[in-house]
Amino acid sequence: MKALGIVRNIDRLGRFVIPMEVRRVKGWDENTPLEAFATEDGLYLKKYVRRDDDDSILEELATSKQLAPDFETQEAYEKVMEHMRKTKKRGAHV
């Protein structure tokens, strides 16, 4: 992770302004949907892309599992992923 040397305060409504330079580099326009992940170190933001197919959902779950704050949450992600894999093998949709 790269330090940007930019500090912003959260306002009383809980808002945080993402610097224009960061938005420009990331290609985030005014109405770009962002997905937030809480980690032990802070907050991770990425452009939200809606995915409906099972493989993409499994990929997103695997990413979320890696960011999970504790072992119990990681186990829960793994159980959901295993259920989806079994359901997919049987040819049924989740």
PDB file of N, CA and C in Angstrom:
ATOM      1  N   MET A   1       0.853  -1.172   0.000  1.00  0.00           N
ATOM      2  CA  MET A   1       0.000   0.000   0.000  1.00  0.00           C
ATOM      3  C   MET A   1       0.897   1.233   0.000  1.00  0.00           C
ATOM      4  N   LYS A   2       0.490   2.238  -0.726  1.00  0.00           N
ATOM      5  CA  LYS A   2       1.306   3.435  -0.901  1.00  0.00           C
ATOM      6  C   LYS A   2       0.710   4.607  -0.112  1.00  0.00           C
ATOM      7  N   ALA A   3       1.520   5.240   0.721  1.00  0.00           N
ATOM      8  CA  ALA A   3       1.084   6.430   1.448  1.00  0.00           C
ATOM      9  C   ALA A   3       1.007   7.605   0.484  1.00  0.00           C
ATOM     10  N   LEU A   4      -0.076   8.366   0.553  1.00  0.00           N
ATOM     11  CA  LEU A   4      -0.276   9.492  -0.351  1.00  0.00           C
ATOM     12  C   LEU A   4       0.104  10.828   0.277  1.00  0.00           C
ATOM     13  N   GLY A   5       0.246  10.845   1.589  1.00  0.00           N
ATOM     14  CA  GLY A   5       0.581  12.093   2.261  1.00  0.00           C
ATOM     15  C   GLY A   5      -0.577  13.067   2.313  1.00  0.00           C
ATOM     16  N   ILE A   6      -1.792  12.550   2.166  1.00  0.00           N
ATOM     17  CA  ILE A   6      -2.996  13.385   2.197  1.00  0.00           C
ATOM     18  C   ILE A   6      -3.809  13.012   3.434  1.00  0.00           C
ATOM     19  N   VAL A   7      -4.206  14.017   4.207  1.00  0.00           N
ATOM     20  CA  VAL A   7      -5.008  13.785   5.409  1.00  0.00           C
ATOM     21  C   VAL A   7      -6.326  14.526   5.258  1.00  0.00           C
ATOM     22  N   ARG A   8      -7.426  13.837   5.522  1.00  0.00           N
ATOM     23  CA  ARG A   8      -8.757  14.442   5.472  1.00  0.00           C
ATOM     24  C   ARG A   8      -9.497  14.099   6.762  1.00  0.00           C
ATOM     25  N   ASN A   9     -10.305  15.009   7.232  1.00  0.00           N
ATOM     26  CA  ASN A   9     -11.125  14.763   8.417  1.00  0.00           C
ATOM     27  C   ASN A   9     -12.500  14.234   8.020  1.00  0.00           C
ATOM     28  N   ILE A  10     -13.075  13.437   8.891  1.00  0.00           N
ATOM     29  CA  ILE A  10     -14.452  12.979   8.722  1.00  0.00           C
ATOM     30  C   ILE A  10     -15.355  14.072   9.278  1.00  0.00           C
ATOM     31  N   ASP A  11     -16.387  14.468   8.534  1.00  0.00           N
ATOM     32  CA  ASP A  11     -17.275  15.522   9.035  1.00  0.00           C
ATOM     33  C   ASP A  11     -18.294  14.938  10.019  1.00  0.00           C
ATOM     34  N   ARG A  12     -19.144  15.784  10.578  1.00  0.00           N
ATOM     35  CA  ARG A  12     -20.079  15.347  11.621  1.00  0.00           C
ATOM     36  C   ARG A  12     -21.106  14.352  11.114  1.00  0.00           C
ATOM     37  N   LEU A  13     -21.287  14.258   9.800  1.00  0.00           N
ATOM     38  CA  LEU A  13     -22.211  13.283   9.224  1.00  0.00           C
ATOM     39  C   LEU A  13     -21.498  11.984   8.825  1.00  0.00           C
ATOM     40  N   GLY A  14     -20.195  11.910   9.122  1.00  0.00           N
ATOM     41  CA  GLY A  14     -19.436  10.701   8.831  1.00  0.00           C
ATOM     42  C   GLY A  14     -18.879  10.628   7.431  1.00  0.00           C
ATOM     43  N   ARG A  15     -18.893  11.743   6.720  1.00  0.00           N
ATOM     44  CA  ARG A  15     -18.409  11.753   5.336  1.00  0.00           C
ATOM     45  C   ARG A  15     -16.918  12.030   5.284  1.00  0.00           C
ATOM     46  N   PHE A  16     -16.295  11.444   4.277  1.00  0.00           N
ATOM     47  CA  PHE A  16     -14.873  11.598   4.025  1.00  0.00           C
ATOM     48  C   PHE A  16     -14.712  11.925   2.550  1.00  0.00           C
ATOM     49  N   VAL A  17     -14.008  12.988   2.229  1.00  0.00           N
ATOM     50  CA  VAL A  17     -13.819  13.392   0.845  1.00  0.00           C
ATOM     51  C   VAL A  17     -12.597  12.678   0.269  1.00  0.00           C
ATOM     52  N   ILE A  18     -12.811  11.954  -0.819  1.00  0.00           N
ATOM     53  CA  ILE A  18     -11.699  11.306  -1.512  1.00  0.00           C
ATOM     54  C   ILE A  18     -11.044  12.361  -2.399  1.00  0.00           C
ATOM     55  N   PRO A  19      -9.750  12.587  -2.219  1.00  0.00           N
ATOM     56  CA  PRO A  19      -9.079  13.643  -2.983  1.00  0.00           C
ATOM     57  C   PRO A  19      -9.245  13.471  -4.495  1.00  0.00           C
ATOM     58  N   MET A  20      -9.361  14.599  -5.184  1.00  0.00           N
ATOM     59  CA  MET A  20      -9.576  14.617  -6.624  1.00  0.00           C
ATOM     60  C   MET A  20      -8.474  13.846  -7.366  1.00  0.00           C
ATOM     61  N   GLU A  21      -7.245  13.967  -6.898  1.00  0.00           N
ATOM     62  CA  GLU A  21      -6.134  13.276  -7.554  1.00  0.00           C
ATOM     63  C   GLU A  21      -6.335  11.761  -7.524  1.00  0.00           C
ATOM     64  N   VAL A  22      -6.808  11.238  -6.405  1.00  0.00           N
ATOM     65  CA  VAL A  22      -7.051   9.799  -6.265  1.00  0.00           C
ATOM     66  C   VAL A  22      -8.198   9.380  -7.177  1.00  0.00           C
ATOM     67  N   ARG A  23      -9.280  10.160  -7.167  1.00  0.00           N
ATOM     68  CA  ARG A  23     -10.439   9.829  -8.020  1.00  0.00           C
ATOM     69  C   ARG A  23     -10.033   9.834  -9.488  1.00  0.00           C
ATOM     70  N   ARG A  24      -9.227  10.777  -9.886  1.00  0.00           N
ATOM     71  CA  ARG A  24      -8.803  10.881 -11.282  1.00  0.00           C
ATOM     72  C   ARG A  24      -7.960   9.658 -11.677  1.00  0.00           C
ATOM     73  N   VAL A  25      -6.992   9.309 -10.845  1.00  0.00           N
ATOM     74  CA  VAL A  25      -6.127   8.164 -11.141  1.00  0.00           C
ATOM     75  C   VAL A  25      -6.934   6.866 -11.199  1.00  0.00           C
ATOM     76  N   LYS A  26      -7.893   6.709 -10.300  1.00  0.00           N
ATOM     77  CA  LYS A  26      -8.710   5.495 -10.249  1.00  0.00           C
ATOM     78  C   LYS A  26      -9.836   5.493 -11.274  1.00  0.00           C
ATOM     79  N   GLY A  27     -10.125   6.626 -11.882  1.00  0.00           N
ATOM     80  CA  GLY A  27     -11.218   6.702 -12.849  1.00  0.00           C
ATOM     81  C   GLY A  27     -12.581   6.716 -12.190  1.00  0.00           C
ATOM     82  N   TRP A  28     -12.639   7.224 -10.974  1.00  0.00           N
ATOM     83  CA  TRP A  28     -13.893   7.305 -10.222  1.00  0.00           C
ATOM     84  C   TRP A  28     -14.547   8.660 -10.462  1.00  0.00           C
ATOM     85  N   ASP A  29     -15.649   8.650 -11.214  1.00  0.00           N
ATOM     86  CA  ASP A  29     -16.401   9.873 -11.463  1.00  0.00           C
ATOM     87  C   ASP A  29     -17.397  10.117 -10.336  1.00  0.00           C
ATOM     88  N   GLU A  30     -18.178  11.167 -10.480  1.00  0.00           N
ATOM     89  CA  GLU A  30     -19.123  11.588  -9.446  1.00  0.00           C
ATOM     90  C   GLU A  30     -20.087  10.484  -9.004  1.00  0.00           C
ATOM     91  N   ASN A  31     -20.593   9.678  -9.910  1.00  0.00           N
ATOM     92  CA  ASN A  31     -21.585   8.662  -9.554  1.00  0.00           C
ATOM     93  C   ASN A  31     -21.037   7.236  -9.568  1.00  0.00           C
ATOM     94  N   THR A  32     -19.740   7.087  -9.439  1.00  0.00           N
ATOM     95  CA  THR A  32     -19.124   5.762  -9.420  1.00  0.00           C
ATOM     96  C   THR A  32     -19.485   5.044  -8.122  1.00  0.00           C
ATOM     97  N   PRO A  33     -20.084   3.851  -8.216  1.00  0.00           N
ATOM     98  CA  PRO A  33     -20.379   3.102  -6.988  1.00  0.00           C
ATOM     99  C   PRO A  33     -19.100   2.477  -6.440  1.00  0.00           C
ATOM    100  N   LEU A  34     -18.872   2.631  -5.145  1.00  0.00           N
ATOM    101  CA  LEU A  34     -17.703   2.067  -4.497  1.00  0.00           C
ATOM    102  C   LEU A  34     -18.142   1.037  -3.468  1.00  0.00           C
ATOM    103  N   GLU A  35     -17.339   0.000  -3.323  1.00  0.00           N
ATOM    104  CA  GLU A  35     -17.585  -1.025  -2.322  1.00  0.00           C
ATOM    105  C   GLU A  35     -16.521  -0.864  -1.241  1.00  0.00           C
ATOM    106  N   ALA A  36     -16.920  -0.941   0.022  1.00  0.00           N
ATOM    107  CA  ALA A  36     -15.998  -0.735   1.139  1.00  0.00           C
ATOM    108  C   ALA A  36     -15.811  -2.034   1.908  1.00  0.00           C
ATOM    109  N   PHE A  37     -14.571  -2.303   2.281  1.00  0.00           N
ATOM    110  CA  PHE A  37     -14.227  -3.457   3.099  1.00  0.00           C
ATOM    111  C   PHE A  37     -13.487  -2.956   4.327  1.00  0.00           C
ATOM    112  N   ALA A  38     -13.919  -3.386   5.507  1.00  0.00           N
ATOM    113  CA  ALA A  38     -13.231  -3.036   6.741  1.00  0.00           C
ATOM    114  C   ALA A  38     -12.153  -4.076   7.006  1.00  0.00           C
ATOM    115  N   THR A  39     -10.942  -3.615   7.254  1.00  0.00           N
ATOM    116  CA  THR A  39      -9.838  -4.507   7.592  1.00  0.00           C
ATOM    117  C   THR A  39      -9.303  -4.105   8.955  1.00  0.00           C
ATOM    118  N   GLU A  40      -8.397  -4.911   9.491  1.00  0.00           N
ATOM    119  CA  GLU A  40      -7.791  -4.555  10.774  1.00  0.00           C
ATOM    120  C   GLU A  40      -6.999  -3.261  10.652  1.00  0.00           C
ATOM    121  N   ASP A  41      -6.474  -2.991   9.470  1.00  0.00           N
ATOM    122  CA  ASP A  41      -5.638  -1.803   9.260  1.00  0.00           C
ATOM    123  C   ASP A  41      -6.420  -0.563   8.854  1.00  0.00           C
ATOM    124  N   GLY A  42      -7.660  -0.726   8.435  1.00  0.00           N
ATOM    125  CA  GLY A  42      -8.418   0.437   8.009  1.00  0.00           C
ATOM    126  C   GLY A  42      -9.525   0.082   7.055  1.00  0.00           C
ATOM    127  N   LEU A  43      -9.695   0.908   6.041  1.00  0.00           N
ATOM    128  CA  LEU A  43     -10.786   0.768   5.086  1.00  0.00           C
ATOM    129  C   LEU A  43     -10.213   0.581   3.693  1.00  0.00           C
ATOM    130  N   TYR A  44     -10.777  -0.363   2.957  1.00  0.00           N
ATOM    131  CA  TYR A  44     -10.350  -0.641   1.589  1.00  0.00           C
ATOM    132  C   TYR A  44     -11.524  -0.321   0.677  1.00  0.00           C
ATOM    133  N   LEU A  45     -11.308   0.546  -0.303  1.00  0.00           N
ATOM    134  CA  LEU A  45     -12.353   0.922  -1.253  1.00  0.00           C
ATOM    135  C   LEU A  45     -12.004   0.401  -2.637  1.00  0.00           C
ATOM    136  N   LYS A  46     -13.027  -0.090  -3.349  1.00  0.00           N
ATOM    137  CA  LYS A  46     -12.814  -0.474  -4.740  1.00  0.00           C
ATOM    138  C   LYS A  46     -14.094  -0.211  -5.513  1.00  0.00           C
ATOM    139  N   LYS A  47     -13.928  -0.033  -6.795  1.00  0.00           N
ATOM    140  CA  LYS A  47     -15.076   0.204  -7.655  1.00  0.00           C
ATOM    141  C   LYS A  47     -15.984  -1.019  -7.604  1.00  0.00           C
ATOM    142  N   TYR A  48     -17.269  -0.780  -7.386  1.00  0.00           N
ATOM    143  CA  TYR A  48     -18.230  -1.870  -7.298  1.00  0.00           C
ATOM    144  C   TYR A  48     -18.658  -2.283  -8.698  1.00  0.00           C
ATOM    145  N   VAL A  49     -18.570  -3.573  -8.952  1.00  0.00           N
ATOM    146  CA  VAL A  49     -19.014  -4.135 -10.220  1.00  0.00           C
ATOM    147  C   VAL A  49     -20.001  -5.240  -9.893  1.00  0.00           C
ATOM    148  N   ARG A  50     -21.224  -5.093 -10.354  1.00  0.00           N
ATOM    149  CA  ARG A  50     -22.254  -6.094 -10.083  1.00  0.00           C
ATOM    150  C   ARG A  50     -21.965  -7.340 -10.901  1.00  0.00           C
ATOM    151  N   ARG A  51     -21.929  -8.457 -10.216  1.00  0.00           N
ATOM    152  CA  ARG A  51     -21.657  -9.727 -10.883  1.00  0.00           C
ATOM    153  C   ARG A  51     -22.719 -10.728 -10.473  1.00  0.00           C
ATOM    154  N   ASP A  52     -23.322 -11.335 -11.453  1.00  0.00           N
ATOM    155  CA  ASP A  52     -24.404 -12.270 -11.167  1.00  0.00           C
ATOM    156  C   ASP A  52     -24.019 -13.732 -11.345  1.00  0.00           C
ATOM    157  N   ASP A  53     -22.906 -14.000 -12.025  1.00  0.00           N
ATOM    158  CA  ASP A  53     -22.573 -15.402 -12.255  1.00  0.00           C
ATOM    159  C   ASP A  53     -21.863 -15.989 -11.033  1.00  0.00           C
ATOM    160  N   ASP A  54     -22.031 -17.294 -10.824  1.00  0.00           N
ATOM    161  CA  ASP A  54     -21.514 -17.961  -9.634  1.00  0.00           C
ATOM    162  C   ASP A  54     -20.002 -17.858  -9.493  1.00  0.00           C
ATOM    163  N   ASP A  55     -19.261 -17.967 -10.591  1.00  0.00           N
ATOM    164  CA  ASP A  55     -17.803 -17.897 -10.506  1.00  0.00           C
ATOM    165  C   ASP A  55     -17.344 -16.541  -9.985  1.00  0.00           C
ATOM    166  N   SER A  56     -17.968 -15.484 -10.452  1.00  0.00           N
ATOM    167  CA  SER A  56     -17.613 -14.142  -9.991  1.00  0.00           C
ATOM    168  C   SER A  56     -17.981 -13.956  -8.522  1.00  0.00           C
ATOM    169  N   ILE A  57     -19.116 -14.503  -8.132  1.00  0.00           N
ATOM    170  CA  ILE A  57     -19.536 -14.400  -6.733  1.00  0.00           C
ATOM    171  C   ILE A  57     -18.554 -15.153  -5.844  1.00  0.00           C
ATOM    172  N   LEU A  58     -18.140 -16.346  -6.266  1.00  0.00           N
ATOM    173  CA  LEU A  58     -17.160 -17.113  -5.500  1.00  0.00           C
ATOM    174  C   LEU A  58     -15.834 -16.355  -5.386  1.00  0.00           C
ATOM    175  N   GLU A  59     -15.442 -15.698  -6.447  1.00  0.00           N
ATOM    176  CA  GLU A  59     -14.215 -14.899  -6.431  1.00  0.00           C
ATOM    177  C   GLU A  59     -14.318 -13.750  -5.424  1.00  0.00           C
ATOM    178  N   GLU A  60     -15.455 -13.069  -5.425  1.00  0.00           N
ATOM    179  CA  GLU A  60     -15.666 -11.974  -4.471  1.00  0.00           C
ATOM    180  C   GLU A  60     -15.693 -12.489  -3.030  1.00  0.00           C
ATOM    181  N   LEU A  61     -16.324 -13.648  -2.822  1.00  0.00           N
ATOM    182  CA  LEU A  61     -16.353 -14.232  -1.477  1.00  0.00           C
ATOM    183  C   LEU A  61     -14.949 -14.594  -1.012  1.00  0.00           C
ATOM    184  N   ALA A  62     -14.126 -15.112  -1.907  1.00  0.00           N
ATOM    185  CA  ALA A  62     -12.750 -15.462  -1.557  1.00  0.00           C
ATOM    186  C   ALA A  62     -11.962 -14.216  -1.143  1.00  0.00           C
ATOM    187  N   THR A  63     -12.175 -13.118  -1.855  1.00  0.00           N
ATOM    188  CA  THR A  63     -11.521 -11.859  -1.495  1.00  0.00           C
ATOM    189  C   THR A  63     -11.992 -11.379  -0.129  1.00  0.00           C
ATOM    190  N   SER A  64     -13.301 -11.437   0.093  1.00  0.00           N
ATOM    191  CA  SER A  64     -13.859 -11.007   1.376  1.00  0.00           C
ATOM    192  C   SER A  64     -13.361 -11.887   2.512  1.00  0.00           C
ATOM    193  N   LYS A  65     -13.221 -13.187   2.239  1.00  0.00           N
ATOM    194  CA  LYS A  65     -12.718 -14.115   3.256  1.00  0.00           C
ATOM    195  C   LYS A  65     -11.320 -13.702   3.693  1.00  0.00           C
ATOM    196  N   GLN A  66     -10.469 -13.321   2.736  1.00  0.00           N
ATOM    197  CA  GLN A  66      -9.103 -12.904   3.062  1.00  0.00           C
ATOM    198  C   GLN A  66      -9.089 -11.636   3.912  1.00  0.00           C
ATOM    199  N   LEU A  67     -10.092 -10.796   3.749  1.00  0.00           N
ATOM    200  CA  LEU A  67     -10.162  -9.542   4.501  1.00  0.00           C
ATOM    201  C   LEU A  67     -10.914  -9.687   5.823  1.00  0.00           C
ATOM    202  N   ALA A  68     -11.458 -10.889   6.081  1.00  0.00           N
ATOM    203  CA  ALA A  68     -12.254 -11.112   7.290  1.00  0.00           C
ATOM    204  C   ALA A  68     -11.407 -10.871   8.539  1.00  0.00           C
ATOM    205  N   PRO A  69     -12.008 -10.259   9.565  1.00  0.00           N
ATOM    206  CA  PRO A  69     -11.243  -9.863  10.746  1.00  0.00           C
ATOM    207  C   PRO A  69     -10.886 -11.006  11.696  1.00  0.00           C
ATOM    208  N   ASP A  70     -11.574 -12.157  11.583  1.00  0.00           N
ATOM    209  CA  ASP A  70     -11.289 -13.238  12.520  1.00  0.00           C
ATOM    210  C   ASP A  70     -11.535 -14.603  11.874  1.00  0.00           C
ATOM    211  N   PHE A  71     -11.085 -15.642  12.558  1.00  0.00           N
ATOM    212  CA  PHE A  71     -11.167 -16.998  12.033  1.00  0.00           C
ATOM    213  C   PHE A  71     -12.613 -17.456  11.858  1.00  0.00           C
ATOM    214  N   GLU A  72     -13.495 -17.084  12.786  1.00  0.00           N
ATOM    215  CA  GLU A  72     -14.893 -17.492  12.698  1.00  0.00           C
ATOM    216  C   GLU A  72     -15.555 -16.938  11.437  1.00  0.00           C
ATOM    217  N   THR A  73     -15.267 -15.700  11.119  1.00  0.00           N
ATOM    218  CA  THR A  73     -15.833 -15.090   9.916  1.00  0.00           C
ATOM    219  C   THR A  73     -15.254 -15.752   8.661  1.00  0.00           C
ATOM    220  N   GLN A  74     -13.980 -16.064   8.689  1.00  0.00           N
ATOM    221  CA  GLN A  74     -13.365 -16.766   7.564  1.00  0.00           C
ATOM    222  C   GLN A  74     -14.018 -18.131   7.359  1.00  0.00           C
ATOM    223  N   GLU A  75     -14.293 -18.839   8.467  1.00  0.00           N
ATOM    224  CA  GLU A  75     -14.970 -20.138   8.374  1.00  0.00           C
ATOM    225  C   GLU A  75     -16.363 -19.987   7.778  1.00  0.00           C
ATOM    226  N   ALA A  76     -17.070 -18.936   8.169  1.00  0.00           N
ATOM    227  CA  ALA A  76     -18.416 -18.698   7.632  1.00  0.00           C
ATOM    228  C   ALA A  76     -18.359 -18.473   6.126  1.00  0.00           C
ATOM    229  N   TYR A  77     -17.403 -17.667   5.681  1.00  0.00           N
ATOM    230  CA  TYR A  77     -17.236 -17.466   4.233  1.00  0.00           C
ATOM    231  C   TYR A  77     -16.959 -18.796   3.537  1.00  0.00           C
ATOM    232  N   GLU A  78     -16.086 -19.611   4.123  1.00  0.00           N
ATOM    233  CA  GLU A  78     -15.734 -20.893   3.513  1.00  0.00           C
ATOM    234  C   GLU A  78     -16.958 -21.811   3.412  1.00  0.00           C
ATOM    235  N   LYS A  79     -17.814 -21.816   4.428  1.00  0.00           N
ATOM    236  CA  LYS A  79     -19.027 -22.644   4.388  1.00  0.00           C
ATOM    237  C   LYS A  79     -19.963 -22.199   3.268  1.00  0.00           C
ATOM    238  N   VAL A  80     -20.122 -20.893   3.107  1.00  0.00           N
ATOM    239  CA  VAL A  80     -20.975 -20.373   2.032  1.00  0.00           C
ATOM    240  C   VAL A  80     -20.382 -20.746   0.678  1.00  0.00           C
ATOM    241  N   MET A  81     -19.069 -20.594   0.538  1.00  0.00           N
ATOM    242  CA  MET A  81     -18.412 -20.923  -0.722  1.00  0.00           C
ATOM    243  C   MET A  81     -18.556 -22.418  -1.033  1.00  0.00           C
ATOM    244  N   GLU A  82     -18.388 -23.269  -0.032  1.00  0.00           N
ATOM    245  CA  GLU A  82     -18.524 -24.709  -0.244  1.00  0.00           C
ATOM    246  C   GLU A  82     -19.956 -25.065  -0.643  1.00  0.00           C
ATOM    247  N   HIS A  83     -20.928 -24.425  -0.012  1.00  0.00           N
ATOM    248  CA  HIS A  83     -22.334 -24.651  -0.374  1.00  0.00           C
ATOM    249  C   HIS A  83     -22.591 -24.267  -1.829  1.00  0.00           C
ATOM    250  N   MET A  84     -22.045 -23.128  -2.239  1.00  0.00           N
ATOM    251  CA  MET A  84     -22.228 -22.689  -3.624  1.00  0.00           C
ATOM    252  C   MET A  84     -21.575 -23.660  -4.604  1.00  0.00           C
ATOM    253  N   ARG A  85     -20.378 -24.156  -4.253  1.00  0.00           N
ATOM    254  CA  ARG A  85     -19.698 -25.118  -5.132  1.00  0.00           C
ATOM    255  C   ARG A  85     -20.506 -26.403  -5.287  1.00  0.00           C
ATOM    256  N   LYS A  86     -21.047 -26.914  -4.172  1.00  0.00           N
ATOM    257  CA  LYS A  86     -21.854 -28.144  -4.220  1.00  0.00           C
ATOM    258  C   LYS A  86     -23.114 -27.924  -5.043  1.00  0.00           C
ATOM    259  N   THR A  87     -23.765 -26.789  -4.833  1.00  0.00           N
ATOM    260  CA  THR A  87     -24.986 -26.467  -5.567  1.00  0.00           C
ATOM    261  C   THR A  87     -24.695 -26.341  -7.058  1.00  0.00           C
ATOM    262  N   LYS A  88     -23.554 -25.741  -7.379  1.00  0.00           N
ATOM    263  CA  LYS A  88     -23.160 -25.564  -8.778  1.00  0.00           C
ATOM    264  C   LYS A  88     -22.912 -26.917  -9.451  1.00  0.00           C
ATOM    265  N   LYS A  89     -22.279 -27.843  -8.724  1.00  0.00           N
ATOM    266  CA  LYS A  89     -22.002 -29.176  -9.271  1.00  0.00           C
ATOM    267  C   LYS A  89     -23.300 -29.930  -9.582  1.00  0.00           C
ATOM    268  N   ARG A  90     -24.319 -29.715  -8.759  1.00  0.00           N
ATOM    269  CA  ARG A  90     -25.602 -30.379  -8.972  1.00  0.00           C
ATOM    270  C   ARG A  90     -26.404 -29.719 -10.090  1.00  0.00           C
ATOM    271  N   GLY A  91     -25.924 -28.576 -10.579  1.00  0.00           N
ATOM    272  CA  GLY A  91     -26.606 -27.900 -11.666  1.00  0.00           C
ATOM    273  C   GLY A  91     -27.738 -26.991 -11.226  1.00  0.00           C
ATOM    274  N   ALA A  92     -27.834 -26.721  -9.942  1.00  0.00           N
ATOM    275  CA  ALA A  92     -28.889 -25.840  -9.439  1.00  0.00           C
ATOM    276  C   ALA A  92     -28.336 -24.452  -9.237  1.00  0.00           C
ATOM    277  N   HIS A  93     -29.210 -23.458  -9.328  1.00  0.00           N
ATOM    278  CA  HIS A  93     -28.810 -22.076  -9.045  1.00  0.00           C
ATOM    279  C   HIS A  93     -29.027 -21.758  -7.601  1.00  0.00           C
ATOM    280  N   VAL A  94     -28.175 -20.906  -7.063  1.00  0.00           N
ATOM    281  CA  VAL A  94     -28.287 -20.454  -5.680  1.00  0.00           C
ATOM    282  C   VAL A  94     -29.315 -19.366  -5.599  1.00  0.00           C
TER     283      VAL A  94
END
